Amino acid sequence: MVNRPIKKFRAANIEGAVWLNSKESENGIIGFKTVTISRSFKKKDDDTWRSEVINLRKSDLIKLQVVLNKLSNELFLSEDSYNKGD
């Protein structure tokens, strides 16, 4: 049986997927969800698609949101003159 995500979301080359997992506990088998975030890209002078993936648990998502918000603020709201482009 192939494990497939129960839901996917994509924005250009960034994809998020929700996975249903299970593990055995003292009360029997319990289900839980995890998330993968991936970024697809092609290396320069290479026609092969590659992907970077990070696996996260539910408790990691709020931490990731906080860090991404801080990074976005630094990149988009900072008034430094170092680099105004991407």
PDB file of N, CA and C in Angstrom:
ATOM      1  N   MET A   1       0.841  -1.190   0.000  1.00  0.00           N
ATOM      2  CA  MET A   1       0.000   0.000   0.000  1.00  0.00           C
ATOM      3  C   MET A   1       0.884   1.251   0.000  1.00  0.00           C
ATOM      4  N   VAL A   2       0.587   2.170  -0.882  1.00  0.00           N
ATOM      5  CA  VAL A   2       1.345   3.412  -0.991  1.00  0.00           C
ATOM      6  C   VAL A   2       0.712   4.454  -0.075  1.00  0.00           C
ATOM      7  N   ASN A   3       1.541   5.073   0.758  1.00  0.00           N
ATOM      8  CA  ASN A   3       1.056   6.129   1.639  1.00  0.00           C
ATOM      9  C   ASN A   3       0.988   7.426   0.840  1.00  0.00           C
ATOM     10  N   ARG A   4      -0.204   7.996   0.733  1.00  0.00           N
ATOM     11  CA  ARG A   4      -0.397   9.243  -0.017  1.00  0.00           C
ATOM     12  C   ARG A   4      -0.954  10.307   0.917  1.00  0.00           C
ATOM     13  N   PRO A   5      -0.671  11.565   0.608  1.00  0.00           N
ATOM     14  CA  PRO A   5      -1.213  12.634   1.453  1.00  0.00           C
ATOM     15  C   PRO A   5      -2.739  12.688   1.359  1.00  0.00           C
ATOM     16  N   ILE A   6      -3.367  13.145   2.444  1.00  0.00           N
ATOM     17  CA  ILE A   6      -4.825  13.278   2.435  1.00  0.00           C
ATOM     18  C   ILE A   6      -5.252  14.624   1.865  1.00  0.00           C
ATOM     19  N   LYS A   7      -4.317  15.574   1.799  1.00  0.00           N
ATOM     20  CA  LYS A   7      -4.610  16.883   1.218  1.00  0.00           C
ATOM     21  C   LYS A   7      -3.295  17.532   0.807  1.00  0.00           C
ATOM     22  N   LYS A   8      -3.326  18.287  -0.313  1.00  0.00           N
ATOM     23  CA  LYS A   8      -2.146  19.017  -0.783  1.00  0.00           C
ATOM     24  C   LYS A   8      -2.533  20.452  -1.106  1.00  0.00           C
ATOM     25  N   PHE A   9      -1.576  21.349  -0.899  1.00  0.00           N
ATOM     26  CA  PHE A   9      -1.730  22.756  -1.245  1.00  0.00           C
ATOM     27  C   PHE A   9      -0.457  23.171  -1.963  1.00  0.00           C
ATOM     28  N   ARG A  10      -0.601  23.964  -3.041  1.00  0.00           N
ATOM     29  CA  ARG A  10       0.571  24.360  -3.820  1.00  0.00           C
ATOM     30  C   ARG A  10       0.495  25.843  -4.164  1.00  0.00           C
ATOM     31  N   ALA A  11       1.653  26.485  -4.090  1.00  0.00           N
ATOM     32  CA  ALA A  11       1.829  27.852  -4.572  1.00  0.00           C
ATOM     33  C   ALA A  11       3.137  27.847  -5.356  1.00  0.00           C
ATOM     34  N   ALA A  12       3.009  27.855  -6.677  1.00  0.00           N
ATOM     35  CA  ALA A  12       4.171  27.785  -7.571  1.00  0.00           C
ATOM     36  C   ALA A  12       5.002  26.542  -7.253  1.00  0.00           C
ATOM     37  N   ASN A  13       6.250  26.699  -6.853  1.00  0.00           N
ATOM     38  CA  ASN A  13       7.103  25.540  -6.601  1.00  0.00           C
ATOM     39  C   ASN A  13       7.127  25.096  -5.136  1.00  0.00           C
ATOM     40  N   ILE A  14       6.263  25.673  -4.307  1.00  0.00           N
ATOM     41  CA  ILE A  14       6.171  25.300  -2.886  1.00  0.00           C
ATOM     42  C   ILE A  14       4.904  24.479  -2.684  1.00  0.00           C
ATOM     43  N   GLU A  15       5.041  23.337  -2.023  1.00  0.00           N
ATOM     44  CA  GLU A  15       3.893  22.479  -1.774  1.00  0.00           C
ATOM     45  C   GLU A  15       3.846  22.065  -0.311  1.00  0.00           C
ATOM     46  N   GLY A  16       2.646  22.043   0.240  1.00  0.00           N
ATOM     47  CA  GLY A  16       2.411  21.519   1.569  1.00  0.00           C
ATOM     48  C   GLY A  16       1.464  20.339   1.461  1.00  0.00           C
ATOM     49  N   ALA A  17       1.727  19.296   2.215  1.00  0.00           N
ATOM     50  CA  ALA A  17       0.880  18.107   2.193  1.00  0.00           C
ATOM     51  C   ALA A  17       0.592  17.662   3.618  1.00  0.00           C
ATOM     52  N   VAL A  18      -0.627  17.172   3.834  1.00  0.00           N
ATOM     53  CA  VAL A  18      -1.039  16.636   5.130  1.00  0.00           C
ATOM     54  C   VAL A  18      -1.096  15.115   5.006  1.00  0.00           C
ATOM     55  N   TRP A  19      -0.481  14.440   5.955  1.00  0.00           N
ATOM     56  CA  TRP A  19      -0.401  12.980   5.956  1.00  0.00           C
ATOM     57  C   TRP A  19      -1.108  12.422   7.185  1.00  0.00           C
ATOM     58  N   LEU A  20      -1.789  11.296   7.025  1.00  0.00           N
ATOM     59  CA  LEU A  20      -2.396  10.586   8.143  1.00  0.00           C
ATOM     60  C   LEU A  20      -1.464   9.449   8.527  1.00  0.00           C
ATOM     61  N   ASN A  21      -1.059   9.432   9.780  1.00  0.00           N
ATOM     62  CA  ASN A  21      -0.137   8.424  10.296  1.00  0.00           C
ATOM     63  C   ASN A  21      -0.795   7.683  11.449  1.00  0.00           C
ATOM     64  N   SER A  22      -0.191   6.598  11.854  1.00  0.00           N
ATOM     65  CA  SER A  22      -0.696   5.869  13.018  1.00  0.00           C
ATOM     66  C   SER A  22       0.478   5.292  13.791  1.00  0.00           C
ATOM     67  N   LYS A  23       0.238   5.106  15.065  1.00  0.00           N
ATOM     68  CA  LYS A  23       1.248   4.452  15.898  1.00  0.00           C
ATOM     69  C   LYS A  23       0.527   3.678  16.992  1.00  0.00           C
ATOM     70  N   GLU A  24       1.209   2.677  17.474  1.00  0.00           N
ATOM     71  CA  GLU A  24       0.633   1.839  18.518  1.00  0.00           C
ATOM     72  C   GLU A  24       0.944   2.452  19.872  1.00  0.00           C
ATOM     73  N   SER A  25      -0.076   2.522  20.714  1.00  0.00           N
ATOM     74  CA  SER A  25       0.099   3.026  22.075  1.00  0.00           C
ATOM     75  C   SER A  25      -0.476   1.998  23.036  1.00  0.00           C
ATOM     76  N   GLU A  26      -0.422   2.292  24.298  1.00  0.00           N
ATOM     77  CA  GLU A  26      -0.968   1.354  25.293  1.00  0.00           C
ATOM     78  C   GLU A  26      -2.487   1.225  25.187  1.00  0.00           C
ATOM     79  N   ASN A  27      -3.132   2.195  24.546  1.00  0.00           N
ATOM     80  CA  ASN A  27      -4.582   2.151  24.342  1.00  0.00           C
ATOM     81  C   ASN A  27      -4.956   1.634  22.957  1.00  0.00           C
ATOM     82  N   GLY A  28      -4.020   1.098  22.215  1.00  0.00           N
ATOM     83  CA  GLY A  28      -4.278   0.620  20.863  1.00  0.00           C
ATOM     84  C   GLY A  28      -3.628   1.526  19.840  1.00  0.00           C
ATOM     85  N   ILE A  29      -4.069   1.418  18.618  1.00  0.00           N
ATOM     86  CA  ILE A  29      -3.505   2.219  17.542  1.00  0.00           C
ATOM     87  C   ILE A  29      -4.193   3.579  17.521  1.00  0.00           C
ATOM     88  N   ILE A  30      -3.376   4.639  17.489  1.00  0.00           N
ATOM     89  CA  ILE A  30      -3.918   5.994  17.417  1.00  0.00           C
ATOM     90  C   ILE A  30      -3.461   6.650  16.114  1.00  0.00           C
ATOM     91  N   GLY A  31      -4.301   7.494  15.582  1.00  0.00           N
ATOM     92  CA  GLY A  31      -3.978   8.209  14.359  1.00  0.00           C
ATOM     93  C   GLY A  31      -3.533   9.626  14.670  1.00  0.00           C
ATOM     94  N   PHE A  32      -2.657  10.154  13.852  1.00  0.00           N
ATOM     95  CA  PHE A  32      -2.222  11.539  13.983  1.00  0.00           C
ATOM     96  C   PHE A  32      -1.791  12.043  12.616  1.00  0.00           C
ATOM     97  N   LYS A  33      -1.792  13.336  12.445  1.00  0.00           N
ATOM     98  CA  LYS A  33      -1.432  13.943  11.172  1.00  0.00           C
ATOM     99  C   LYS A  33      -0.065  14.602  11.271  1.00  0.00           C
ATOM    100  N   THR A  34       0.657  14.572  10.165  1.00  0.00           N
ATOM    101  CA  THR A  34       1.909  15.312  10.034  1.00  0.00           C
ATOM    102  C   THR A  34       1.846  16.102   8.726  1.00  0.00           C
ATOM    103  N   VAL A  35       2.826  16.965   8.541  1.00  0.00           N
ATOM    104  CA  VAL A  35       2.864  17.849   7.382  1.00  0.00           C
ATOM    105  C   VAL A  35       4.238  17.756   6.743  1.00  0.00           C
ATOM    106  N   THR A  36       4.265  17.829   5.425  1.00  0.00           N
ATOM    107  CA  THR A  36       5.530  18.019   4.721  1.00  0.00           C
ATOM    108  C   THR A  36       5.435  19.307   3.922  1.00  0.00           C
ATOM    109  N   ILE A  37       6.524  20.038   3.928  1.00  0.00           N
ATOM    110  CA  ILE A  37       6.671  21.238   3.117  1.00  0.00           C
ATOM    111  C   ILE A  37       7.798  20.931   2.136  1.00  0.00           C
ATOM    112  N   SER A  38       7.556  21.173   0.858  1.00  0.00           N
ATOM    113  CA  SER A  38       8.605  20.889  -0.127  1.00  0.00           C
ATOM    114  C   SER A  38       8.758  22.047  -1.108  1.00  0.00           C
ATOM    115  N   ARG A  39       9.964  22.167  -1.606  1.00  0.00           N
ATOM    116  CA  ARG A  39      10.293  23.165  -2.626  1.00  0.00           C
ATOM    117  C   ARG A  39      10.948  22.430  -3.786  1.00  0.00           C
ATOM    118  N   SER A  40      10.339  22.520  -4.962  1.00  0.00           N
ATOM    119  CA  SER A  40      10.882  21.881  -6.157  1.00  0.00           C
ATOM    120  C   SER A  40      11.718  22.887  -6.938  1.00  0.00           C
ATOM    121  N   PHE A  41      12.786  22.390  -7.568  1.00  0.00           N
ATOM    122  CA  PHE A  41      13.665  23.273  -8.330  1.00  0.00           C
ATOM    123  C   PHE A  41      14.493  22.463  -9.310  1.00  0.00           C
ATOM    124  N   LYS A  42      15.038  23.153 -10.305  1.00  0.00           N
ATOM    125  CA  LYS A  42      16.010  22.566 -11.218  1.00  0.00           C
ATOM    126  C   LYS A  42      17.346  23.252 -10.969  1.00  0.00           C
ATOM    127  N   LYS A  43      18.393  22.463 -10.880  1.00  0.00           N
ATOM    128  CA  LYS A  43      19.722  23.053 -10.745  1.00  0.00           C
ATOM    129  C   LYS A  43      20.142  23.663 -12.074  1.00  0.00           C
ATOM    130  N   LYS A  44      20.960  24.696 -11.991  1.00  0.00           N
ATOM    131  CA  LYS A  44      21.458  25.354 -13.201  1.00  0.00           C
ATOM    132  C   LYS A  44      22.202  24.327 -14.062  1.00  0.00           C
ATOM    133  N   ASP A  45      21.954  24.352 -15.352  1.00  0.00           N
ATOM    134  CA  ASP A  45      22.589  23.443 -16.322  1.00  0.00           C
ATOM    135  C   ASP A  45      22.213  21.973 -16.102  1.00  0.00           C
ATOM    136  N   ASP A  46      21.067  21.715 -15.447  1.00  0.00           N
ATOM    137  CA  ASP A  46      20.603  20.344 -15.220  1.00  0.00           C
ATOM    138  C   ASP A  46      19.100  20.334 -15.463  1.00  0.00           C
ATOM    139  N   ASP A  47      18.616  19.387 -16.234  1.00  0.00           N
ATOM    140  CA  ASP A  47      17.205  19.342 -16.589  1.00  0.00           C
ATOM    141  C   ASP A  47      16.400  18.447 -15.643  1.00  0.00           C
ATOM    142  N   THR A  48      16.996  18.027 -14.533  1.00  0.00           N
ATOM    143  CA  THR A  48      16.327  17.135 -13.599  1.00  0.00           C
ATOM    144  C   THR A  48      15.681  17.929 -12.469  1.00  0.00           C
ATOM    145  N   TRP A  49      14.402  17.649 -12.214  1.00  0.00           N
ATOM    146  CA  TRP A  49      13.716  18.287 -11.091  1.00  0.00           C
ATOM    147  C   TRP A  49      14.198  17.689  -9.782  1.00  0.00           C
ATOM    148  N   ARG A  50      14.403  18.525  -8.809  1.00  0.00           N
ATOM    149  CA  ARG A  50      14.833  18.102  -7.471  1.00  0.00           C
ATOM    150  C   ARG A  50      13.851  18.659  -6.456  1.00  0.00           C
ATOM    151  N   SER A  51      13.925  18.152  -5.251  1.00  0.00           N
ATOM    152  CA  SER A  51      12.998  18.605  -4.220  1.00  0.00           C
ATOM    153  C   SER A  51      13.674  18.592  -2.854  1.00  0.00           C
ATOM    154  N   GLU A  52      13.408  19.635  -2.077  1.00  0.00           N
ATOM    155  CA  GLU A  52      13.826  19.694  -0.679  1.00  0.00           C
ATOM    156  C   GLU A  52      12.565  19.516   0.160  1.00  0.00           C
ATOM    157  N   VAL A  53      12.639  18.681   1.176  1.00  0.00           N
ATOM    158  CA  VAL A  53      11.450  18.379   1.973  1.00  0.00           C
ATOM    159  C   VAL A  53      11.773  18.534   3.452  1.00  0.00           C
ATOM    160  N   ILE A  54      10.818  19.081   4.193  1.00  0.00           N
ATOM    161  CA  ILE A  54      10.901  19.129   5.646  1.00  0.00           C
ATOM    162  C   ILE A  54       9.623  18.506   6.199  1.00  0.00           C
ATOM    163  N   ASN A  55       9.773  17.630   7.178  1.00  0.00           N
ATOM    164  CA  ASN A  55       8.643  16.962   7.816  1.00  0.00           C
ATOM    165  C   ASN A  55       8.359  17.629   9.153  1.00  0.00           C
ATOM    166  N   LEU A  56       7.094  17.933   9.410  1.00  0.00           N
ATOM    167  CA  LEU A  56       6.714  18.654  10.622  1.00  0.00           C
ATOM    168  C   LEU A  56       5.537  17.982  11.321  1.00  0.00           C
ATOM    169  N   ARG A  57       5.508  18.135  12.630  1.00  0.00           N
ATOM    170  CA  ARG A  57       4.345  17.711  13.416  1.00  0.00           C
ATOM    171  C   ARG A  57       3.459  18.919  13.661  1.00  0.00           C
ATOM    172  N   LYS A  58       2.259  18.662  14.123  1.00  0.00           N
ATOM    173  CA  LYS A  58       1.291  19.736  14.345  1.00  0.00           C
ATOM    174  C   LYS A  58       1.861  20.823  15.254  1.00  0.00           C
ATOM    175  N   SER A  59       2.574  20.439  16.282  1.00  0.00           N
ATOM    176  CA  SER A  59       3.124  21.424  17.220  1.00  0.00           C
ATOM    177  C   SER A  59       4.222  22.293  16.600  1.00  0.00           C
ATOM    178  N   ASP A  60       4.775  21.857  15.472  1.00  0.00           N
ATOM    179  CA  ASP A  60       5.814  22.642  14.797  1.00  0.00           C
ATOM    180  C   ASP A  60       5.237  23.776  13.957  1.00  0.00           C
ATOM    181  N   LEU A  61       3.982  23.664  13.536  1.00  0.00           N
ATOM    182  CA  LEU A  61       3.428  24.628  12.586  1.00  0.00           C
ATOM    183  C   LEU A  61       3.369  26.049  13.129  1.00  0.00           C
ATOM    184  N   ILE A  62       2.949  26.229  14.365  1.00  0.00           N
ATOM    185  CA  ILE A  62       2.870  27.585  14.928  1.00  0.00           C
ATOM    186  C   ILE A  62       4.273  28.179  15.058  1.00  0.00           C
ATOM    187  N   LYS A  63       5.240  27.350  15.403  1.00  0.00           N
ATOM    188  CA  LYS A  63       6.629  27.823  15.492  1.00  0.00           C
ATOM    189  C   LYS A  63       7.129  28.249  14.113  1.00  0.00           C
ATOM    190  N   LEU A  64       6.802  27.452  13.103  1.00  0.00           N
ATOM    191  CA  LEU A  64       7.186  27.791  11.733  1.00  0.00           C
ATOM    192  C   LEU A  64       6.530  29.094  11.300  1.00  0.00           C
ATOM    193  N   GLN A  65       5.259  29.287  11.642  1.00  0.00           N
ATOM    194  CA  GLN A  65       4.566  30.532  11.307  1.00  0.00           C
ATOM    195  C   GLN A  65       5.259  31.737  11.925  1.00  0.00           C
ATOM    196  N   VAL A  66       5.639  31.614  13.177  1.00  0.00           N
ATOM    197  CA  VAL A  66       6.304  32.713  13.874  1.00  0.00           C
ATOM    198  C   VAL A  66       7.617  33.055  13.173  1.00  0.00           C
ATOM    199  N   VAL A  67       8.417  32.031  12.873  1.00  0.00           N
ATOM    200  CA  VAL A  67       9.707  32.262  12.224  1.00  0.00           C
ATOM    201  C   VAL A  67       9.514  32.853  10.827  1.00  0.00           C
ATOM    202  N   LEU A  68       8.556  32.324  10.056  1.00  0.00           N
ATOM    203  CA  LEU A  68       8.312  32.858   8.716  1.00  0.00           C
ATOM    204  C   LEU A  68       7.835  34.308   8.762  1.00  0.00           C
ATOM    205  N   ASN A  69       7.003  34.644   9.733  1.00  0.00           N
ATOM    206  CA  ASN A  69       6.560  36.038   9.882  1.00  0.00           C
ATOM    207  C   ASN A  69       7.732  36.953  10.195  1.00  0.00           C
ATOM    208  N   LYS A  70       8.620  36.521  11.077  1.00  0.00           N
ATOM    209  CA  LYS A  70       9.800  37.327  11.409  1.00  0.00           C
ATOM    210  C   LYS A  70      10.690  37.511  10.180  1.00  0.00           C
ATOM    211  N   LEU A  71      10.893  36.425   9.436  1.00  0.00           N
ATOM    212  CA  LEU A  71      11.711  36.513   8.227  1.00  0.00           C
ATOM    213  C   LEU A  71      11.064  37.433   7.196  1.00  0.00           C
ATOM    214  N   SER A  72       9.758  37.312   7.009  1.00  0.00           N
ATOM    215  CA  SER A  72       9.045  38.180   6.063  1.00  0.00           C
ATOM    216  C   SER A  72       9.163  39.636   6.470  1.00  0.00           C
ATOM    217  N   ASN A  73       8.991  39.923   7.753  1.00  0.00           N
ATOM    218  CA  ASN A  73       9.125  41.294   8.239  1.00  0.00           C
ATOM    219  C   ASN A  73      10.517  41.843   7.949  1.00  0.00           C
ATOM    220  N   GLU A  74      11.521  41.028   8.176  1.00  0.00           N
ATOM    221  CA  GLU A  74      12.892  41.472   7.940  1.00  0.00           C
ATOM    222  C   GLU A  74      13.127  41.757   6.456  1.00  0.00           C
ATOM    223  N   LEU A  75      12.623  40.878   5.605  1.00  0.00           N
ATOM    224  CA  LEU A  75      12.873  41.030   4.171  1.00  0.00           C
ATOM    225  C   LEU A  75      12.019  42.105   3.514  1.00  0.00           C
ATOM    226  N   PHE A  76      10.765  42.229   3.927  1.00  0.00           N
ATOM    227  CA  PHE A  76       9.853  43.129   3.232  1.00  0.00           C
ATOM    228  C   PHE A  76       9.605  44.453   3.946  1.00  0.00           C
ATOM    229  N   LEU A  77       9.814  44.502   5.247  1.00  0.00           N
ATOM    230  CA  LEU A  77       9.523  45.721   5.990  1.00  0.00           C
ATOM    231  C   LEU A  77      10.759  46.450   6.484  1.00  0.00           C
ATOM    232  N   SER A  78      11.912  45.820   6.341  1.00  0.00           N
ATOM    233  CA  SER A  78      13.156  46.435   6.784  1.00  0.00           C
ATOM    234  C   SER A  78      13.468  47.643   5.908  1.00  0.00           C
ATOM    235  N   GLU A  79      13.966  48.690   6.514  1.00  0.00           N
ATOM    236  CA  GLU A  79      14.276  49.908   5.770  1.00  0.00           C
ATOM    237  C   GLU A  79      15.751  50.012   5.409  1.00  0.00           C
ATOM    238  N   ASP A  80      16.482  48.909   5.563  1.00  0.00           N
ATOM    239  CA  ASP A  80      17.897  48.993   5.199  1.00  0.00           C
ATOM    240  C   ASP A  80      18.025  49.120   3.686  1.00  0.00           C
ATOM    241  N   SER A  81      19.144  49.621   3.252  1.00  0.00           N
ATOM    242  CA  SER A  81      19.340  49.876   1.826  1.00  0.00           C
ATOM    243  C   SER A  81      20.265  48.844   1.181  1.00  0.00           C
ATOM    244  N   TYR A  82      20.529  47.740   1.876  1.00  0.00           N
ATOM    245  CA  TYR A  82      21.469  46.733   1.367  1.00  0.00           C
ATOM    246  C   TYR A  82      21.037  46.187   0.019  1.00  0.00           C
ATOM    247  N   ASN A  83      19.802  45.697  -0.071  1.00  0.00           N
ATOM    248  CA  ASN A  83      19.338  45.106  -1.325  1.00  0.00           C
ATOM    249  C   ASN A  83      17.827  45.274  -1.410  1.00  0.00           C
ATOM    250  N   LYS A  84      17.378  46.056  -2.343  1.00  0.00           N
ATOM    251  CA  LYS A  84      15.954  46.298  -2.508  1.00  0.00           C
ATOM    252  C   LYS A  84      15.287  45.284  -3.432  1.00  0.00           C
ATOM    253  N   GLY A  85      16.047  44.419  -4.094  1.00  0.00           N
ATOM    254  CA  GLY A  85      15.487  43.426  -5.000  1.00  0.00           C
ATOM    255  C   GLY A  85      15.386  42.065  -4.358  1.00  0.00           C
ATOM    256  N   ASP A  86      14.981  41.063  -5.148  1.00  0.00           N
ATOM    257  CA  ASP A  86      14.858  39.682  -4.631  1.00  0.00           C
ATOM    258  C   ASP A  86      16.189  39.028  -4.479  1.00  0.00           C
TER     259      ASP A  86
END
